[in-house]
N, C-alpha and C. Protein backbone atom coordinates (compact mmCIF):
# COMPACT_ATOMS: atom_id res chain seq x y z
N MET A 1 143.56 23.57 -57.81
CA MET A 1 144.75 22.88 -57.32
C MET A 1 145.05 21.62 -58.15
N ALA A 2 143.97 20.91 -58.56
CA ALA A 2 144.16 19.68 -59.31
C ALA A 2 144.82 19.91 -60.67
N ARG A 3 144.75 21.15 -61.16
CA ARG A 3 145.37 21.46 -62.45
C ARG A 3 146.78 22.01 -62.30
N SER A 4 147.26 22.15 -61.09
CA SER A 4 148.59 22.70 -60.88
C SER A 4 149.66 21.73 -61.34
N PRO A 5 150.82 22.23 -61.78
CA PRO A 5 151.89 21.33 -62.24
C PRO A 5 152.29 20.30 -61.20
N GLY A 6 152.29 20.69 -59.93
CA GLY A 6 152.68 19.76 -58.89
C GLY A 6 151.72 18.60 -58.77
N PHE A 7 150.42 18.88 -58.83
CA PHE A 7 149.43 17.81 -58.72
C PHE A 7 149.42 16.94 -59.96
N LEU A 8 149.62 17.54 -61.12
CA LEU A 8 149.68 16.74 -62.35
C LEU A 8 150.89 15.81 -62.34
N ALA A 9 152.01 16.30 -61.85
CA ALA A 9 153.20 15.46 -61.74
C ALA A 9 152.98 14.33 -60.74
N LEU A 10 152.29 14.62 -59.65
CA LEU A 10 152.00 13.58 -58.66
C LEU A 10 151.04 12.55 -59.23
N ARG A 11 150.05 13.01 -60.00
CA ARG A 11 149.15 12.08 -60.69
C ARG A 11 149.94 11.12 -61.57
N ASP A 12 150.84 11.66 -62.37
CA ASP A 12 151.62 10.83 -63.28
C ASP A 12 152.49 9.84 -62.52
N ARG A 13 153.02 10.27 -61.39
CA ARG A 13 153.87 9.37 -60.60
C ARG A 13 153.05 8.22 -60.01
N ILE A 14 151.86 8.52 -59.51
CA ILE A 14 150.99 7.48 -58.96
C ILE A 14 150.65 6.45 -60.02
N LEU A 15 150.25 6.92 -61.20
CA LEU A 15 149.85 5.99 -62.26
C LEU A 15 151.03 5.21 -62.80
N GLU A 16 152.20 5.81 -62.82
CA GLU A 16 153.40 5.08 -63.24
C GLU A 16 153.72 3.95 -62.25
N LEU A 17 153.64 4.25 -60.96
CA LEU A 17 153.91 3.25 -59.94
C LEU A 17 152.85 2.16 -59.94
N ALA A 18 151.64 2.48 -60.39
CA ALA A 18 150.56 1.50 -60.40
C ALA A 18 150.73 0.44 -61.49
N ARG A 19 151.60 0.69 -62.45
CA ARG A 19 151.90 -0.27 -63.52
C ARG A 19 150.60 -0.79 -64.17
N LEU A 20 149.84 0.12 -64.72
CA LEU A 20 148.53 -0.21 -65.26
C LEU A 20 148.64 -1.10 -66.50
N ARG A 21 147.65 -2.01 -66.62
CA ARG A 21 147.57 -2.91 -67.77
C ARG A 21 146.17 -2.81 -68.38
N ALA A 22 146.07 -3.13 -69.65
CA ALA A 22 144.82 -2.94 -70.37
C ALA A 22 143.66 -3.73 -69.78
N ARG A 23 143.93 -4.86 -69.13
CA ARG A 23 142.85 -5.69 -68.59
C ARG A 23 142.50 -5.34 -67.14
N ASP A 24 143.16 -4.35 -66.56
CA ASP A 24 142.97 -4.05 -65.14
C ASP A 24 141.61 -3.42 -64.86
N CYS A 25 141.09 -3.74 -63.67
CA CYS A 25 139.97 -3.02 -63.08
C CYS A 25 140.56 -2.16 -61.97
N LEU A 26 140.32 -0.84 -62.02
CA LEU A 26 140.95 0.10 -61.11
C LEU A 26 139.91 0.80 -60.26
N LEU A 27 140.24 0.98 -58.99
CA LEU A 27 139.42 1.76 -58.07
C LEU A 27 140.18 3.00 -57.64
N ASP A 28 139.55 4.16 -57.81
CA ASP A 28 140.12 5.44 -57.36
C ASP A 28 139.35 5.86 -56.11
N VAL A 29 140.01 5.83 -54.96
CA VAL A 29 139.37 6.17 -53.69
C VAL A 29 139.54 7.67 -53.43
N GLY A 30 138.40 8.34 -53.22
CA GLY A 30 138.44 9.79 -53.07
C GLY A 30 138.69 10.46 -54.41
N ALA A 31 137.92 10.07 -55.40
CA ALA A 31 138.20 10.46 -56.79
C ALA A 31 138.08 11.96 -57.03
N GLY A 32 137.25 12.64 -56.26
CA GLY A 32 137.12 14.09 -56.42
C GLY A 32 136.70 14.48 -57.83
N THR A 33 137.47 15.35 -58.45
CA THR A 33 137.14 15.82 -59.80
C THR A 33 137.62 14.87 -60.90
N GLY A 34 138.24 13.75 -60.49
CA GLY A 34 138.64 12.75 -61.47
C GLY A 34 140.07 12.83 -61.95
N LEU A 35 140.93 13.47 -61.17
CA LEU A 35 142.32 13.64 -61.57
C LEU A 35 142.97 12.30 -61.96
N LEU A 36 142.82 11.29 -61.11
CA LEU A 36 143.39 9.97 -61.40
C LEU A 36 142.48 9.15 -62.32
N ALA A 37 141.20 9.15 -62.03
CA ALA A 37 140.27 8.30 -62.78
C ALA A 37 140.27 8.62 -64.26
N LEU A 38 140.26 9.90 -64.60
CA LEU A 38 140.22 10.29 -66.01
C LEU A 38 141.50 9.91 -66.74
N ALA A 39 142.63 10.05 -66.06
CA ALA A 39 143.90 9.70 -66.70
C ALA A 39 144.08 8.20 -66.81
N ALA A 40 143.49 7.45 -65.89
CA ALA A 40 143.64 5.98 -65.90
C ALA A 40 142.69 5.31 -66.88
N ALA A 41 141.52 5.89 -67.12
CA ALA A 41 140.48 5.23 -67.91
C ALA A 41 140.95 4.74 -69.28
N PRO A 42 141.73 5.52 -70.05
CA PRO A 42 142.15 5.01 -71.36
C PRO A 42 143.14 3.85 -71.28
N ARG A 43 143.71 3.60 -70.10
CA ARG A 43 144.78 2.60 -69.97
C ARG A 43 144.29 1.28 -69.38
N VAL A 44 143.05 1.25 -68.87
CA VAL A 44 142.56 0.05 -68.19
C VAL A 44 141.21 -0.35 -68.76
N GLU A 45 140.73 -1.52 -68.32
CA GLU A 45 139.43 -2.01 -68.80
C GLU A 45 138.26 -1.31 -68.13
N ARG A 46 138.38 -1.09 -66.79
CA ARG A 46 137.26 -0.51 -66.06
C ARG A 46 137.77 0.33 -64.90
N VAL A 47 137.03 1.40 -64.60
CA VAL A 47 137.39 2.28 -63.48
C VAL A 47 136.17 2.48 -62.60
N PHE A 48 136.37 2.32 -61.29
CA PHE A 48 135.40 2.76 -60.30
C PHE A 48 135.95 4.02 -59.64
N ALA A 49 135.21 5.11 -59.73
CA ALA A 49 135.63 6.38 -59.13
C ALA A 49 134.75 6.64 -57.92
N LEU A 50 135.31 6.46 -56.73
CA LEU A 50 134.53 6.55 -55.49
C LEU A 50 134.83 7.84 -54.75
N ASP A 51 133.76 8.48 -54.27
CA ASP A 51 133.93 9.67 -53.44
C ASP A 51 132.75 9.76 -52.49
N VAL A 52 133.00 10.33 -51.31
CA VAL A 52 131.97 10.41 -50.29
C VAL A 52 130.98 11.55 -50.55
N SER A 53 131.35 12.48 -51.43
CA SER A 53 130.52 13.66 -51.69
C SER A 53 129.58 13.44 -52.88
N PRO A 54 128.26 13.43 -52.66
CA PRO A 54 127.34 13.30 -53.79
C PRO A 54 127.50 14.42 -54.82
N ALA A 55 127.75 15.64 -54.35
CA ALA A 55 127.92 16.76 -55.28
C ALA A 55 129.15 16.55 -56.16
N MET A 56 130.24 16.11 -55.56
CA MET A 56 131.45 15.86 -56.33
C MET A 56 131.24 14.73 -57.32
N CYS A 57 130.53 13.68 -56.89
CA CYS A 57 130.27 12.56 -57.79
C CYS A 57 129.39 12.99 -58.96
N GLY A 58 128.41 13.84 -58.70
CA GLY A 58 127.58 14.36 -59.78
C GLY A 58 128.38 15.16 -60.78
N HIS A 59 129.29 15.97 -60.26
CA HIS A 59 130.18 16.76 -61.13
C HIS A 59 131.03 15.84 -61.99
N LEU A 60 131.58 14.78 -61.39
CA LEU A 60 132.44 13.87 -62.14
C LEU A 60 131.63 13.08 -63.17
N GLU A 61 130.42 12.68 -62.84
CA GLU A 61 129.58 11.96 -63.80
C GLU A 61 129.32 12.82 -65.03
N ARG A 62 129.03 14.09 -64.81
CA ARG A 62 128.79 14.99 -65.95
C ARG A 62 130.06 15.16 -66.79
N LYS A 63 131.19 15.21 -66.12
CA LYS A 63 132.46 15.34 -66.84
C LYS A 63 132.74 14.09 -67.69
N LEU A 64 132.49 12.91 -67.13
CA LEU A 64 132.69 11.67 -67.87
C LEU A 64 131.79 11.61 -69.11
N THR A 65 130.55 12.03 -68.94
CA THR A 65 129.61 12.05 -70.07
C THR A 65 130.08 13.02 -71.14
N ARG A 66 130.51 14.20 -70.72
CA ARG A 66 130.95 15.22 -71.67
C ARG A 66 132.18 14.76 -72.45
N LEU A 67 133.07 14.03 -71.79
CA LEU A 67 134.29 13.56 -72.43
C LEU A 67 134.11 12.22 -73.15
N GLY A 68 132.95 11.62 -73.02
CA GLY A 68 132.68 10.36 -73.70
C GLY A 68 133.40 9.17 -73.10
N VAL A 69 133.70 9.21 -71.81
CA VAL A 69 134.36 8.10 -71.13
C VAL A 69 133.30 7.08 -70.73
N ASP A 70 133.36 5.89 -71.32
CA ASP A 70 132.29 4.92 -71.11
C ASP A 70 132.71 3.70 -70.29
N ASN A 71 133.94 3.69 -69.78
CA ASN A 71 134.38 2.54 -68.98
C ASN A 71 134.61 2.91 -67.52
N ALA A 72 134.01 4.03 -67.08
CA ALA A 72 134.18 4.49 -65.70
C ALA A 72 132.81 4.63 -65.05
N GLU A 73 132.73 4.16 -63.81
CA GLU A 73 131.50 4.24 -63.02
C GLU A 73 131.78 5.04 -61.75
N VAL A 74 130.93 6.02 -61.47
CA VAL A 74 131.08 6.84 -60.27
C VAL A 74 130.26 6.23 -59.14
N VAL A 75 130.87 6.13 -57.98
CA VAL A 75 130.24 5.49 -56.82
C VAL A 75 130.29 6.45 -55.64
N VAL A 76 129.12 6.70 -55.03
CA VAL A 76 129.05 7.53 -53.84
C VAL A 76 129.16 6.63 -52.61
N ASN A 77 130.29 6.73 -51.91
CA ASN A 77 130.46 5.93 -50.70
C ASN A 77 131.74 6.36 -50.00
N SER A 78 131.94 5.79 -48.82
CA SER A 78 133.11 6.11 -48.01
C SER A 78 134.23 5.12 -48.26
N ALA A 79 135.46 5.57 -48.03
CA ALA A 79 136.62 4.69 -48.15
C ALA A 79 136.60 3.58 -47.11
N THR A 80 135.83 3.76 -46.06
CA THR A 80 135.78 2.76 -44.98
C THR A 80 134.72 1.70 -45.21
N ALA A 81 133.95 1.79 -46.29
CA ALA A 81 132.90 0.81 -46.58
C ALA A 81 132.76 0.68 -48.09
N LEU A 82 133.74 0.07 -48.73
CA LEU A 82 133.76 -0.01 -50.19
C LEU A 82 132.66 -0.96 -50.68
N PRO A 83 131.78 -0.50 -51.56
CA PRO A 83 130.66 -1.32 -52.04
C PRO A 83 131.04 -2.18 -53.24
N LEU A 84 132.15 -2.91 -53.11
CA LEU A 84 132.66 -3.74 -54.20
C LEU A 84 132.88 -5.16 -53.69
N ALA A 85 132.87 -6.11 -54.60
CA ALA A 85 133.02 -7.52 -54.23
C ALA A 85 134.45 -7.83 -53.82
N ASP A 86 134.61 -8.86 -53.02
CA ASP A 86 135.94 -9.31 -52.60
C ASP A 86 136.76 -9.70 -53.83
N GLY A 87 137.99 -9.24 -53.87
CA GLY A 87 138.92 -9.68 -54.91
C GLY A 87 138.57 -9.27 -56.32
N GLY A 88 137.79 -8.20 -56.47
CA GLY A 88 137.35 -7.83 -57.81
C GLY A 88 138.13 -6.71 -58.47
N VAL A 89 139.15 -6.19 -57.79
CA VAL A 89 139.89 -5.03 -58.29
C VAL A 89 141.37 -5.37 -58.40
N ASP A 90 141.99 -4.94 -59.50
CA ASP A 90 143.41 -5.19 -59.72
C ASP A 90 144.30 -4.11 -59.11
N VAL A 91 143.82 -2.87 -59.14
CA VAL A 91 144.62 -1.73 -58.69
C VAL A 91 143.73 -0.77 -57.91
N VAL A 92 144.24 -0.29 -56.78
CA VAL A 92 143.59 0.80 -56.05
C VAL A 92 144.55 1.98 -56.00
N VAL A 93 144.05 3.15 -56.38
CA VAL A 93 144.85 4.37 -56.32
C VAL A 93 144.08 5.42 -55.52
N SER A 94 144.80 6.39 -55.01
CA SER A 94 144.17 7.48 -54.28
C SER A 94 145.14 8.66 -54.21
N ASN A 95 144.58 9.85 -54.18
CA ASN A 95 145.43 11.05 -54.11
C ASN A 95 144.82 12.05 -53.13
N TYR A 96 145.52 12.29 -52.03
CA TYR A 96 145.14 13.29 -51.03
C TYR A 96 143.70 13.10 -50.54
N CYS A 97 143.42 11.89 -50.10
CA CYS A 97 142.12 11.55 -49.55
C CYS A 97 142.20 11.16 -48.08
N PHE A 98 143.17 10.34 -47.72
CA PHE A 98 143.16 9.67 -46.42
C PHE A 98 143.39 10.60 -45.24
N HIS A 99 143.97 11.79 -45.46
CA HIS A 99 144.18 12.69 -44.33
C HIS A 99 142.87 13.26 -43.78
N HIS A 100 141.77 13.03 -44.48
CA HIS A 100 140.47 13.42 -43.96
C HIS A 100 139.93 12.42 -42.94
N LEU A 101 140.57 11.25 -42.86
CA LEU A 101 140.12 10.19 -41.96
C LEU A 101 140.98 10.15 -40.71
N ARG A 102 140.37 9.82 -39.58
CA ARG A 102 141.13 9.58 -38.36
C ARG A 102 141.89 8.26 -38.50
N ASP A 103 142.86 8.04 -37.62
CA ASP A 103 143.73 6.89 -37.76
C ASP A 103 142.95 5.57 -37.80
N ARG A 104 141.97 5.42 -36.94
CA ARG A 104 141.20 4.17 -36.93
C ARG A 104 140.41 4.00 -38.24
N GLU A 105 139.99 5.12 -38.82
CA GLU A 105 139.28 5.05 -40.10
C GLU A 105 140.25 4.73 -41.23
N LYS A 106 141.45 5.23 -41.16
CA LYS A 106 142.47 4.86 -42.15
C LYS A 106 142.69 3.35 -42.12
N ALA A 107 142.79 2.79 -40.91
CA ALA A 107 143.00 1.35 -40.78
C ALA A 107 141.83 0.57 -41.37
N ARG A 108 140.61 1.04 -41.14
CA ARG A 108 139.44 0.39 -41.74
C ARG A 108 139.46 0.49 -43.25
N ALA A 109 139.88 1.64 -43.77
CA ALA A 109 139.98 1.81 -45.23
C ALA A 109 141.00 0.84 -45.82
N LEU A 110 142.14 0.67 -45.16
CA LEU A 110 143.14 -0.28 -45.65
C LEU A 110 142.60 -1.70 -45.64
N ALA A 111 141.85 -2.07 -44.61
CA ALA A 111 141.25 -3.40 -44.57
C ALA A 111 140.26 -3.59 -45.72
N GLN A 112 139.49 -2.55 -46.00
CA GLN A 112 138.55 -2.62 -47.12
C GLN A 112 139.27 -2.74 -48.46
N ILE A 113 140.33 -1.97 -48.60
CA ILE A 113 141.10 -2.02 -49.85
C ILE A 113 141.71 -3.40 -50.05
N ARG A 114 142.27 -3.96 -48.99
CA ARG A 114 142.85 -5.31 -49.09
C ARG A 114 141.77 -6.32 -49.47
N ARG A 115 140.57 -6.15 -48.93
CA ARG A 115 139.47 -7.06 -49.24
C ARG A 115 139.10 -7.05 -50.72
N VAL A 116 138.99 -5.85 -51.30
CA VAL A 116 138.51 -5.77 -52.69
C VAL A 116 139.61 -6.05 -53.70
N LEU A 117 140.87 -5.99 -53.28
CA LEU A 117 141.96 -6.29 -54.20
C LEU A 117 142.05 -7.79 -54.46
N ARG A 118 142.35 -8.16 -55.67
CA ARG A 118 142.64 -9.57 -55.96
C ARG A 118 144.00 -9.91 -55.38
N PRO A 119 144.30 -11.21 -55.19
CA PRO A 119 145.66 -11.58 -54.76
C PRO A 119 146.71 -11.04 -55.74
N GLY A 120 147.70 -10.38 -55.22
CA GLY A 120 148.72 -9.75 -56.05
C GLY A 120 148.37 -8.35 -56.51
N GLY A 121 147.17 -7.86 -56.14
CA GLY A 121 146.74 -6.53 -56.55
C GLY A 121 147.56 -5.43 -55.91
N ARG A 122 147.61 -4.27 -56.59
CA ARG A 122 148.48 -3.17 -56.17
C ARG A 122 147.71 -2.00 -55.57
N LEU A 123 148.30 -1.39 -54.57
CA LEU A 123 147.79 -0.17 -53.95
C LEU A 123 148.85 0.91 -54.06
N VAL A 124 148.49 2.05 -54.63
CA VAL A 124 149.40 3.19 -54.74
C VAL A 124 148.62 4.45 -54.36
N PHE A 125 149.14 5.22 -53.42
CA PHE A 125 148.45 6.45 -53.07
C PHE A 125 149.44 7.51 -52.60
N ALA A 126 149.00 8.75 -52.74
CA ALA A 126 149.71 9.90 -52.19
C ALA A 126 148.81 10.56 -51.17
N ASP A 127 149.42 11.15 -50.17
CA ASP A 127 148.63 11.83 -49.15
C ASP A 127 149.52 12.79 -48.39
N VAL A 128 148.88 13.64 -47.60
CA VAL A 128 149.61 14.46 -46.65
C VAL A 128 150.25 13.51 -45.63
N MET A 129 151.56 13.59 -45.45
CA MET A 129 152.23 12.65 -44.56
C MET A 129 153.16 13.39 -43.61
N PHE A 130 152.57 13.96 -42.58
CA PHE A 130 153.34 14.53 -41.48
C PHE A 130 152.40 14.67 -40.30
N ARG A 131 152.95 14.79 -39.11
CA ARG A 131 152.16 15.01 -37.91
C ARG A 131 152.32 16.47 -37.47
N ILE A 132 151.28 17.01 -36.88
CA ILE A 132 151.37 18.37 -36.35
C ILE A 132 152.14 18.26 -35.04
N SER A 133 153.44 18.37 -35.16
CA SER A 133 154.34 18.13 -34.03
C SER A 133 155.63 18.90 -34.26
N ILE A 134 156.33 19.21 -33.18
CA ILE A 134 157.64 19.85 -33.31
C ILE A 134 158.76 18.91 -32.91
N VAL A 135 158.43 17.64 -32.73
CA VAL A 135 159.42 16.67 -32.28
C VAL A 135 160.37 16.29 -33.41
N LYS A 136 159.80 16.00 -34.59
CA LYS A 136 160.62 15.54 -35.71
C LYS A 136 160.96 16.70 -36.64
N ARG A 137 162.15 16.63 -37.19
CA ARG A 137 162.66 17.72 -38.04
C ARG A 137 161.75 17.97 -39.23
N ARG A 138 161.30 16.90 -39.91
CA ARG A 138 160.47 17.10 -41.10
C ARG A 138 159.14 17.74 -40.73
N ASP A 139 158.54 17.32 -39.61
CA ASP A 139 157.28 17.93 -39.19
C ASP A 139 157.47 19.42 -38.93
N ARG A 140 158.56 19.78 -38.27
CA ARG A 140 158.83 21.20 -38.01
C ARG A 140 159.02 21.96 -39.31
N ALA A 141 159.73 21.35 -40.25
CA ALA A 141 159.99 22.01 -41.54
C ALA A 141 158.70 22.24 -42.32
N VAL A 142 157.81 21.23 -42.33
CA VAL A 142 156.54 21.36 -43.05
C VAL A 142 155.68 22.45 -42.43
N ILE A 143 155.59 22.46 -41.11
CA ILE A 143 154.80 23.50 -40.43
C ILE A 143 155.39 24.88 -40.71
N GLY A 144 156.71 24.99 -40.65
CA GLY A 144 157.36 26.27 -40.93
C GLY A 144 157.09 26.74 -42.35
N LEU A 145 157.12 25.82 -43.30
CA LEU A 145 156.85 26.17 -44.70
C LEU A 145 155.42 26.66 -44.87
N PHE A 146 154.48 25.96 -44.22
CA PHE A 146 153.07 26.36 -44.31
C PHE A 146 152.88 27.76 -43.74
N VAL A 147 153.46 28.03 -42.57
CA VAL A 147 153.30 29.33 -41.93
C VAL A 147 153.91 30.44 -42.80
N SER A 148 155.09 30.18 -43.36
CA SER A 148 155.73 31.21 -44.18
C SER A 148 154.92 31.48 -45.45
N ARG A 149 154.32 30.44 -46.02
CA ARG A 149 153.48 30.63 -47.21
C ARG A 149 152.29 31.53 -46.87
N MET A 150 151.65 31.26 -45.74
CA MET A 150 150.49 32.05 -45.34
C MET A 150 150.88 33.51 -45.10
N LEU A 151 151.98 33.72 -44.40
CA LEU A 151 152.38 35.08 -44.05
C LEU A 151 152.78 35.90 -45.26
N ARG A 152 153.24 35.24 -46.33
CA ARG A 152 153.61 35.97 -47.56
C ARG A 152 152.40 36.63 -48.21
N HIS A 153 151.20 36.17 -47.85
CA HIS A 153 149.98 36.75 -48.43
C HIS A 153 149.46 37.93 -47.62
N GLY A 154 150.23 38.36 -46.64
CA GLY A 154 149.85 39.54 -45.87
C GLY A 154 148.68 39.28 -44.94
N PRO A 155 147.82 40.30 -44.74
CA PRO A 155 146.70 40.17 -43.78
C PRO A 155 145.78 39.00 -44.09
N SER A 156 145.50 38.75 -45.38
CA SER A 156 144.61 37.63 -45.72
C SER A 156 145.24 36.30 -45.34
N GLY A 157 146.55 36.18 -45.54
CA GLY A 157 147.24 34.97 -45.16
C GLY A 157 147.27 34.78 -43.66
N LEU A 158 147.47 35.86 -42.92
CA LEU A 158 147.46 35.79 -41.46
C LEU A 158 146.09 35.35 -40.96
N LEU A 159 145.03 35.88 -41.59
CA LEU A 159 143.67 35.51 -41.20
C LEU A 159 143.43 34.02 -41.45
N ARG A 160 143.90 33.52 -42.60
CA ARG A 160 143.75 32.10 -42.89
C ARG A 160 144.53 31.24 -41.90
N LEU A 161 145.72 31.70 -41.55
CA LEU A 161 146.53 30.97 -40.58
C LEU A 161 145.81 30.89 -39.23
N MET A 162 145.23 32.01 -38.80
CA MET A 162 144.51 32.03 -37.53
C MET A 162 143.29 31.12 -37.57
N ARG A 163 142.62 31.08 -38.71
CA ARG A 163 141.46 30.18 -38.84
C ARG A 163 141.89 28.72 -38.73
N ASN A 164 143.02 28.39 -39.36
CA ASN A 164 143.51 27.01 -39.29
C ASN A 164 143.92 26.63 -37.88
N VAL A 165 144.56 27.56 -37.18
CA VAL A 165 144.93 27.29 -35.79
C VAL A 165 143.68 27.07 -34.94
N THR A 166 142.65 27.89 -35.17
CA THR A 166 141.39 27.73 -34.44
C THR A 166 140.76 26.37 -34.72
N ARG A 167 140.77 25.95 -35.98
CA ARG A 167 140.23 24.63 -36.33
C ARG A 167 140.99 23.53 -35.63
N MET A 168 142.32 23.64 -35.59
CA MET A 168 143.14 22.62 -34.95
C MET A 168 142.83 22.54 -33.46
N LEU A 169 142.73 23.70 -32.79
CA LEU A 169 142.46 23.71 -31.36
C LEU A 169 141.06 23.19 -31.05
N ALA A 170 140.13 23.35 -31.99
CA ALA A 170 138.76 22.89 -31.79
C ALA A 170 138.58 21.42 -32.19
N GLY A 171 139.65 20.78 -32.64
CA GLY A 171 139.57 19.37 -33.04
C GLY A 171 138.98 19.16 -34.41
N ARG A 172 138.92 20.22 -35.22
CA ARG A 172 138.34 20.11 -36.56
C ARG A 172 139.40 20.15 -37.65
N TRP A 173 140.65 19.93 -37.25
CA TRP A 173 141.76 19.90 -38.21
C TRP A 173 141.76 18.57 -38.95
N GLU A 174 142.40 18.54 -40.11
CA GLU A 174 142.55 17.27 -40.81
C GLU A 174 143.44 16.34 -40.00
N HIS A 175 143.56 15.10 -40.47
CA HIS A 175 144.23 14.07 -39.66
C HIS A 175 145.35 13.37 -40.44
N PRO A 176 146.37 14.11 -40.84
CA PRO A 176 147.47 13.47 -41.58
C PRO A 176 148.25 12.52 -40.69
N ALA A 177 148.80 11.48 -41.30
CA ALA A 177 149.65 10.52 -40.60
C ALA A 177 151.06 10.59 -41.17
N SER A 178 152.01 10.19 -40.39
CA SER A 178 153.41 10.26 -40.81
C SER A 178 153.76 9.12 -41.75
N VAL A 179 154.91 9.25 -42.39
CA VAL A 179 155.44 8.18 -43.25
C VAL A 179 155.58 6.90 -42.44
N GLU A 180 156.11 7.01 -41.24
CA GLU A 180 156.32 5.83 -40.39
C GLU A 180 155.00 5.18 -40.02
N TRP A 181 153.99 6.00 -39.72
CA TRP A 181 152.67 5.45 -39.37
C TRP A 181 152.11 4.65 -40.54
N TRP A 182 152.20 5.20 -41.74
CA TRP A 182 151.65 4.52 -42.91
C TRP A 182 152.40 3.21 -43.18
N ARG A 183 153.70 3.22 -43.01
CA ARG A 183 154.47 2.00 -43.24
C ARG A 183 154.01 0.89 -42.30
N THR A 184 153.86 1.22 -41.03
CA THR A 184 153.41 0.24 -40.04
C THR A 184 151.98 -0.20 -40.31
N ALA A 185 151.10 0.75 -40.64
CA ALA A 185 149.69 0.44 -40.87
C ALA A 185 149.51 -0.49 -42.07
N LEU A 186 150.27 -0.26 -43.12
CA LEU A 186 150.17 -1.12 -44.31
C LEU A 186 150.63 -2.54 -44.00
N LEU A 187 151.71 -2.66 -43.25
CA LEU A 187 152.18 -3.98 -42.86
C LEU A 187 151.18 -4.67 -41.93
N ASP A 188 150.64 -3.92 -40.98
CA ASP A 188 149.65 -4.49 -40.06
C ASP A 188 148.39 -4.93 -40.78
N ALA A 189 148.05 -4.25 -41.88
CA ALA A 189 146.86 -4.60 -42.66
C ALA A 189 147.09 -5.82 -43.55
N GLY A 190 148.32 -6.32 -43.59
CA GLY A 190 148.60 -7.53 -44.34
C GLY A 190 149.15 -7.32 -45.73
N PHE A 191 149.58 -6.09 -46.03
CA PHE A 191 150.19 -5.83 -47.33
C PHE A 191 151.67 -6.22 -47.30
N VAL A 192 152.21 -6.49 -48.49
CA VAL A 192 153.63 -6.80 -48.63
C VAL A 192 154.25 -5.85 -49.64
N ASP A 193 155.57 -5.92 -49.78
CA ASP A 193 156.31 -5.04 -50.69
C ASP A 193 155.95 -3.57 -50.43
N VAL A 194 155.90 -3.24 -49.15
CA VAL A 194 155.48 -1.90 -48.74
C VAL A 194 156.65 -0.92 -48.87
N ASP A 195 156.37 0.21 -49.53
CA ASP A 195 157.37 1.27 -49.66
C ASP A 195 156.67 2.61 -49.51
N VAL A 196 157.07 3.38 -48.51
CA VAL A 196 156.47 4.69 -48.27
C VAL A 196 157.58 5.72 -48.27
N GLN A 197 157.46 6.72 -49.13
CA GLN A 197 158.51 7.72 -49.29
C GLN A 197 157.96 9.12 -49.08
N ALA A 198 158.68 9.93 -48.31
CA ALA A 198 158.32 11.33 -48.15
C ALA A 198 158.69 12.11 -49.40
N LEU A 199 157.86 13.07 -49.75
CA LEU A 199 158.16 13.97 -50.86
C LEU A 199 158.84 15.23 -50.33
N ALA A 200 159.17 16.13 -51.22
CA ALA A 200 159.91 17.32 -50.83
C ALA A 200 159.04 18.31 -50.05
N HIS A 201 157.73 18.13 -50.08
CA HIS A 201 156.82 19.03 -49.36
C HIS A 201 156.12 18.23 -48.27
N GLU A 202 154.85 18.52 -48.02
CA GLU A 202 154.16 17.86 -46.91
C GLU A 202 153.68 16.46 -47.25
N GLY A 203 153.77 16.06 -48.50
CA GLY A 203 153.20 14.81 -48.94
C GLY A 203 154.14 13.61 -48.89
N GLY A 204 153.56 12.49 -49.26
CA GLY A 204 154.32 11.26 -49.39
C GLY A 204 153.58 10.31 -50.33
N VAL A 205 154.29 9.30 -50.81
CA VAL A 205 153.71 8.31 -51.72
C VAL A 205 153.94 6.93 -51.15
N ALA A 206 152.90 6.11 -51.18
CA ALA A 206 152.99 4.74 -50.65
C ALA A 206 152.65 3.74 -51.76
N VAL A 207 153.37 2.64 -51.76
CA VAL A 207 153.15 1.53 -52.69
C VAL A 207 153.08 0.26 -51.87
N ALA A 208 152.13 -0.61 -52.16
CA ALA A 208 152.02 -1.88 -51.45
C ALA A 208 151.30 -2.89 -52.35
N ARG A 209 151.33 -4.15 -51.94
CA ARG A 209 150.71 -5.21 -52.74
C ARG A 209 150.03 -6.20 -51.80
N LYS A 210 148.89 -6.72 -52.25
CA LYS A 210 148.22 -7.79 -51.52
C LYS A 210 148.93 -9.09 -51.84
N PRO A 211 149.21 -9.93 -50.85
CA PRO A 211 149.95 -11.18 -51.12
C PRO A 211 149.20 -12.06 -52.11
N GLU A 212 149.94 -12.85 -52.86
CA GLU A 212 149.34 -13.80 -53.82
C GLU A 212 148.52 -14.86 -53.07
């Protein structure tokens, strides 16, 4: 999925909005296979690539070594407990990470991000941004699109759809938040210049800044 044209375009959009500079120290939260971290490394002074999965971090470390990237450090930890000093990061980026966290954990992650950002530092991230609800038109449209995609795959798609419904009913579904939720949460966390925009699919992009 990370190599798909859609994800690559989203990567480029995140990094463009981040307005990277050669002297920046950047933190990639939920770095995964390094989609953002690898693209950002040549443009900044230092990169911290953080992920909660030790296996994923090991994979990314080997990839960095193979590619000869020497200004990136892989960190195994959670977005809710960033192991970095206060005010030591210029830019925080993330791509499709926060929907794995419950709302209270998202709020803790935002507090941590604000802590590690220097005054004036930038936060840019993309994530799944809709609620599993039929109240709002966009939520209904996203759910309808997902169901139609699954059904186009025939019996295997139907089986996957049933598994996802079972996970949701059992409380093991992911925890996406809406565009409106993110806008309010960023403001409540003390960020300024907050802008959250829905994309044409289930995702959205948020931009915010820590006050000077």
